[in-house]
N, C-alpha and C. Protein backbone atom coordinates (compact mmCIF):
# COMPACT_ATOMS: atom_id res chain seq x y z
N MET A 1 0.84 -1.18 0.00
CA MET A 1 0.00 0.00 0.00
C MET A 1 0.89 1.24 0.00
N TYR A 2 0.54 2.17 -0.87
CA TYR A 2 1.21 3.46 -0.89
C TYR A 2 0.36 4.45 -0.11
N VAL A 3 1.01 5.28 0.67
CA VAL A 3 0.29 6.26 1.47
C VAL A 3 0.86 7.64 1.18
N VAL A 4 -0.03 8.57 0.88
CA VAL A 4 0.36 9.96 0.67
C VAL A 4 -0.24 10.75 1.81
N ASP A 5 0.62 11.21 2.71
CA ASP A 5 0.14 12.00 3.84
C ASP A 5 1.28 12.84 4.39
N GLY A 6 1.07 13.38 5.54
CA GLY A 6 2.11 14.14 6.23
C GLY A 6 2.51 15.41 5.51
N GLU A 7 3.81 15.67 5.48
CA GLU A 7 4.35 16.91 4.93
C GLU A 7 3.98 17.13 3.47
N LYS A 8 3.94 16.07 2.68
CA LYS A 8 3.62 16.23 1.26
C LYS A 8 2.26 16.88 1.06
N LEU A 9 1.33 16.64 1.96
CA LEU A 9 -0.01 17.21 1.83
C LEU A 9 -0.14 18.57 2.49
N ALA A 10 0.63 18.81 3.53
CA ALA A 10 0.41 20.00 4.34
C ALA A 10 1.43 21.12 4.10
N LYS A 11 2.67 20.78 3.81
CA LYS A 11 3.71 21.79 3.74
C LYS A 11 4.02 22.17 2.31
N ARG A 12 4.16 23.46 2.07
CA ARG A 12 4.54 23.95 0.75
C ARG A 12 6.03 24.26 0.74
N PRO A 13 6.68 24.05 -0.39
CA PRO A 13 8.10 24.38 -0.47
C PRO A 13 8.31 25.88 -0.42
N GLU A 14 9.52 26.28 -0.09
CA GLU A 14 9.85 27.70 0.01
C GLU A 14 11.14 27.99 -0.75
N VAL A 15 11.29 29.24 -1.16
CA VAL A 15 12.51 29.70 -1.80
C VAL A 15 12.95 30.97 -1.07
N ARG A 16 14.24 31.05 -0.77
CA ARG A 16 14.78 32.24 -0.13
C ARG A 16 15.45 33.09 -1.21
N ILE A 17 15.04 34.34 -1.29
CA ILE A 17 15.63 35.30 -2.22
C ILE A 17 16.10 36.48 -1.39
N GLY A 18 17.40 36.60 -1.26
CA GLY A 18 17.95 37.62 -0.36
C GLY A 18 17.56 37.28 1.06
N ASP A 19 16.97 38.23 1.74
CA ASP A 19 16.54 38.02 3.13
C ASP A 19 15.12 37.50 3.26
N ARG A 20 14.40 37.45 2.14
CA ARG A 20 12.99 37.05 2.17
C ARG A 20 12.81 35.58 1.83
N VAL A 21 11.83 34.97 2.47
CA VAL A 21 11.44 33.59 2.16
C VAL A 21 10.03 33.64 1.58
N PHE A 22 9.87 33.01 0.41
CA PHE A 22 8.59 33.00 -0.27
C PHE A 22 8.07 31.56 -0.34
N GLU A 23 6.79 31.39 -0.05
CA GLU A 23 6.15 30.09 -0.16
C GLU A 23 5.74 29.85 -1.61
N ILE A 24 6.03 28.66 -2.12
CA ILE A 24 5.73 28.30 -3.50
C ILE A 24 4.41 27.55 -3.55
N ASP A 25 3.50 28.03 -4.38
CA ASP A 25 2.22 27.34 -4.57
C ASP A 25 2.48 26.16 -5.52
N ASN A 26 2.56 24.98 -4.96
CA ASN A 26 2.88 23.79 -5.75
C ASN A 26 1.65 22.92 -6.04
N ARG A 27 0.48 23.50 -5.88
CA ARG A 27 -0.74 22.74 -6.15
C ARG A 27 -0.90 22.48 -7.64
N LEU A 28 -1.58 21.42 -7.98
CA LEU A 28 -1.83 21.07 -9.37
C LEU A 28 -2.51 22.22 -10.09
N SER A 29 -3.44 22.89 -9.44
CA SER A 29 -4.17 23.99 -10.08
C SER A 29 -3.22 25.12 -10.48
N ALA A 30 -2.23 25.42 -9.65
CA ALA A 30 -1.25 26.45 -10.00
C ALA A 30 -0.42 26.02 -11.20
N TYR A 31 0.00 24.76 -11.20
CA TYR A 31 0.79 24.22 -12.31
C TYR A 31 0.00 24.29 -13.61
N MET A 32 -1.28 23.94 -13.56
CA MET A 32 -2.12 23.99 -14.75
C MET A 32 -2.30 25.42 -15.25
N ARG A 33 -2.49 26.37 -14.33
CA ARG A 33 -2.61 27.78 -14.72
C ARG A 33 -1.34 28.26 -15.40
N ILE A 34 -0.19 27.90 -14.83
CA ILE A 34 1.09 28.29 -15.41
C ILE A 34 1.20 27.76 -16.83
N ASN A 35 0.95 26.48 -17.01
CA ASN A 35 1.05 25.88 -18.35
C ASN A 35 0.11 26.54 -19.34
N GLU A 36 -1.12 26.79 -18.93
CA GLU A 36 -2.10 27.40 -19.82
C GLU A 36 -1.68 28.82 -20.21
N ARG A 37 -1.26 29.60 -19.24
CA ARG A 37 -0.87 30.98 -19.52
C ARG A 37 0.39 31.05 -20.38
N VAL A 38 1.33 30.13 -20.16
CA VAL A 38 2.55 30.11 -20.99
C VAL A 38 2.17 29.76 -22.43
N LYS A 39 1.28 28.78 -22.61
CA LYS A 39 0.82 28.40 -23.95
C LYS A 39 0.17 29.58 -24.66
N GLU A 40 -0.66 30.32 -23.92
CA GLU A 40 -1.36 31.47 -24.50
C GLU A 40 -0.41 32.61 -24.82
N GLY A 41 0.74 32.64 -24.15
CA GLY A 41 1.73 33.68 -24.41
C GLY A 41 1.27 35.08 -24.07
N GLU A 42 0.42 35.19 -23.04
CA GLU A 42 -0.17 36.48 -22.71
C GLU A 42 0.83 37.48 -22.12
N CYS A 43 1.91 37.00 -21.54
CA CYS A 43 2.98 37.87 -21.05
C CYS A 43 4.24 37.01 -20.89
N GLY A 44 5.29 37.58 -20.33
CA GLY A 44 6.55 36.87 -20.21
C GLY A 44 6.48 35.67 -19.29
N GLU A 45 7.30 34.66 -19.60
CA GLU A 45 7.31 33.43 -18.79
C GLU A 45 7.72 33.70 -17.35
N PHE A 46 8.69 34.59 -17.14
CA PHE A 46 9.11 34.90 -15.77
C PHE A 46 7.92 35.41 -14.97
N GLU A 47 7.17 36.35 -15.53
CA GLU A 47 6.02 36.92 -14.83
C GLU A 47 4.97 35.85 -14.55
N ILE A 48 4.70 35.00 -15.53
CA ILE A 48 3.69 33.96 -15.35
C ILE A 48 4.11 32.98 -14.26
N ILE A 49 5.32 32.44 -14.37
CA ILE A 49 5.75 31.39 -13.45
C ILE A 49 5.93 31.94 -12.04
N ILE A 50 6.65 33.04 -11.91
CA ILE A 50 6.88 33.61 -10.58
C ILE A 50 5.58 34.16 -10.01
N GLY A 51 4.80 34.85 -10.82
CA GLY A 51 3.55 35.45 -10.36
C GLY A 51 2.54 34.42 -9.89
N GLU A 52 2.39 33.34 -10.64
CA GLU A 52 1.43 32.29 -10.25
C GLU A 52 1.92 31.51 -9.03
N ALA A 53 3.22 31.24 -8.97
CA ALA A 53 3.74 30.39 -7.89
C ALA A 53 3.97 31.14 -6.59
N LEU A 54 4.33 32.42 -6.68
CA LEU A 54 4.63 33.19 -5.47
C LEU A 54 3.62 34.30 -5.20
N GLY A 55 2.79 34.60 -6.17
CA GLY A 55 1.83 35.70 -6.04
C GLY A 55 2.35 36.94 -6.75
N MET A 56 1.44 37.69 -7.34
CA MET A 56 1.84 38.87 -8.13
C MET A 56 2.47 39.96 -7.27
N GLU A 57 2.03 40.12 -6.02
CA GLU A 57 2.66 41.11 -5.15
C GLU A 57 4.12 40.75 -4.91
N ASN A 58 4.38 39.47 -4.69
CA ASN A 58 5.75 39.01 -4.48
C ASN A 58 6.56 39.12 -5.77
N TYR A 59 5.91 38.85 -6.90
CA TYR A 59 6.59 39.02 -8.19
C TYR A 59 7.05 40.46 -8.34
N ALA A 60 6.16 41.41 -8.04
CA ALA A 60 6.51 42.84 -8.15
C ALA A 60 7.68 43.18 -7.23
N GLU A 61 7.68 42.62 -6.04
CA GLU A 61 8.78 42.86 -5.11
C GLU A 61 10.10 42.30 -5.65
N ILE A 62 10.05 41.12 -6.24
CA ILE A 62 11.26 40.50 -6.79
C ILE A 62 11.76 41.30 -7.98
N VAL A 63 10.87 41.74 -8.85
CA VAL A 63 11.26 42.55 -10.00
C VAL A 63 11.89 43.86 -9.53
N ALA A 64 11.36 44.43 -8.46
CA ALA A 64 11.90 45.68 -7.92
C ALA A 64 13.33 45.51 -7.40
N MET A 65 13.73 44.27 -7.11
CA MET A 65 15.11 44.01 -6.67
C MET A 65 16.10 44.20 -7.81
N ASP A 66 15.60 44.24 -9.05
CA ASP A 66 16.42 44.42 -10.25
C ASP A 66 17.59 43.42 -10.28
N LEU A 67 17.23 42.16 -10.16
CA LEU A 67 18.22 41.09 -10.13
C LEU A 67 18.75 40.80 -11.53
N PRO A 68 19.95 40.24 -11.61
CA PRO A 68 20.48 39.86 -12.93
C PRO A 68 19.59 38.81 -13.59
N TYR A 69 19.62 38.78 -14.92
CA TYR A 69 18.82 37.83 -15.68
C TYR A 69 19.08 36.40 -15.23
N GLY A 70 20.34 36.03 -15.04
CA GLY A 70 20.69 34.67 -14.63
C GLY A 70 20.06 34.27 -13.31
N VAL A 71 19.98 35.22 -12.38
CA VAL A 71 19.36 34.96 -11.08
C VAL A 71 17.86 34.75 -11.25
N MET A 72 17.23 35.58 -12.06
CA MET A 72 15.79 35.41 -12.31
C MET A 72 15.52 34.07 -12.97
N SER A 73 16.38 33.68 -13.89
CA SER A 73 16.25 32.38 -14.54
C SER A 73 16.38 31.25 -13.52
N ASP A 74 17.33 31.38 -12.59
CA ASP A 74 17.49 30.38 -11.52
C ASP A 74 16.25 30.30 -10.64
N ILE A 75 15.65 31.44 -10.33
CA ILE A 75 14.44 31.47 -9.52
C ILE A 75 13.33 30.68 -10.21
N VAL A 76 13.18 30.88 -11.51
CA VAL A 76 12.17 30.17 -12.28
C VAL A 76 12.43 28.67 -12.23
N VAL A 77 13.67 28.26 -12.41
CA VAL A 77 14.02 26.83 -12.39
C VAL A 77 13.74 26.24 -11.00
N ILE A 78 14.08 26.96 -9.96
CA ILE A 78 13.84 26.50 -8.59
C ILE A 78 12.34 26.32 -8.36
N ILE A 79 11.54 27.27 -8.81
CA ILE A 79 10.09 27.19 -8.66
C ILE A 79 9.55 25.96 -9.40
N LEU A 80 9.99 25.79 -10.64
CA LEU A 80 9.52 24.64 -11.42
C LEU A 80 9.94 23.32 -10.77
N ALA A 81 11.13 23.29 -10.20
CA ALA A 81 11.59 22.08 -9.50
C ALA A 81 10.68 21.79 -8.31
N ALA A 82 10.37 22.82 -7.53
CA ALA A 82 9.53 22.63 -6.35
C ALA A 82 8.13 22.19 -6.73
N ILE A 83 7.56 22.79 -7.77
CA ILE A 83 6.21 22.44 -8.18
C ILE A 83 6.13 21.01 -8.68
N GLN A 84 7.16 20.59 -9.42
CA GLN A 84 7.15 19.26 -10.03
C GLN A 84 7.81 18.19 -9.16
N ASP A 85 8.24 18.57 -7.96
CA ASP A 85 8.90 17.65 -7.04
C ASP A 85 10.14 17.02 -7.67
N LEU A 86 10.96 17.89 -8.28
CA LEU A 86 12.21 17.50 -8.91
C LEU A 86 13.37 18.13 -8.16
N THR A 87 14.57 17.63 -8.40
CA THR A 87 15.74 18.35 -7.93
C THR A 87 15.93 19.55 -8.85
N VAL A 88 16.68 20.51 -8.39
CA VAL A 88 16.95 21.69 -9.22
C VAL A 88 17.70 21.28 -10.48
N GLU A 89 18.60 20.34 -10.37
CA GLU A 89 19.37 19.87 -11.53
C GLU A 89 18.45 19.20 -12.56
N GLU A 90 17.51 18.39 -12.10
CA GLU A 90 16.54 17.77 -13.02
C GLU A 90 15.71 18.84 -13.73
N ALA A 91 15.29 19.84 -12.99
CA ALA A 91 14.50 20.92 -13.58
C ALA A 91 15.33 21.71 -14.59
N ARG A 92 16.60 21.95 -14.28
CA ARG A 92 17.48 22.66 -15.23
C ARG A 92 17.56 21.89 -16.55
N CYS A 93 17.72 20.59 -16.48
CA CYS A 93 17.79 19.77 -17.69
C CYS A 93 16.50 19.89 -18.50
N ARG A 94 15.37 19.80 -17.83
CA ARG A 94 14.08 19.91 -18.53
C ARG A 94 13.90 21.30 -19.12
N PHE A 95 14.29 22.32 -18.36
CA PHE A 95 14.12 23.70 -18.81
C PHE A 95 14.96 23.94 -20.06
N ARG A 96 16.19 23.43 -20.08
CA ARG A 96 17.07 23.59 -21.25
C ARG A 96 16.48 22.91 -22.47
N LYS A 97 15.80 21.79 -22.26
CA LYS A 97 15.22 21.03 -23.37
C LYS A 97 13.86 21.59 -23.78
N GLY A 98 13.35 22.58 -23.04
CA GLY A 98 12.05 23.16 -23.36
C GLY A 98 10.88 22.35 -22.87
N GLN A 99 11.09 21.50 -21.87
CA GLN A 99 10.02 20.65 -21.35
C GLN A 99 9.45 21.15 -20.04
N ALA A 100 9.87 22.28 -19.55
CA ALA A 100 9.45 22.75 -18.22
C ALA A 100 8.03 23.22 -18.21
């Protein structure tokens, strides 16, 4: 018997950016919204992924930090890893191949 309970059901992953810790929305509904919005191409992928997973207010705060492009890209990969329950390295490989 497989059992899904405990932390997997109750605790959300987090990402620390500078001094702030942000909770990542890793629910299936968030993942589906991200995929749909990316397909529609309604705005930039960074805004969609970070905004949906961390909230638009937090996205605005992160953008205001004026971080280097590489750091923003890493944040997106970390978020995708957390949502998909992958290691960051696995997510990087998928992201490079365009499967994220």
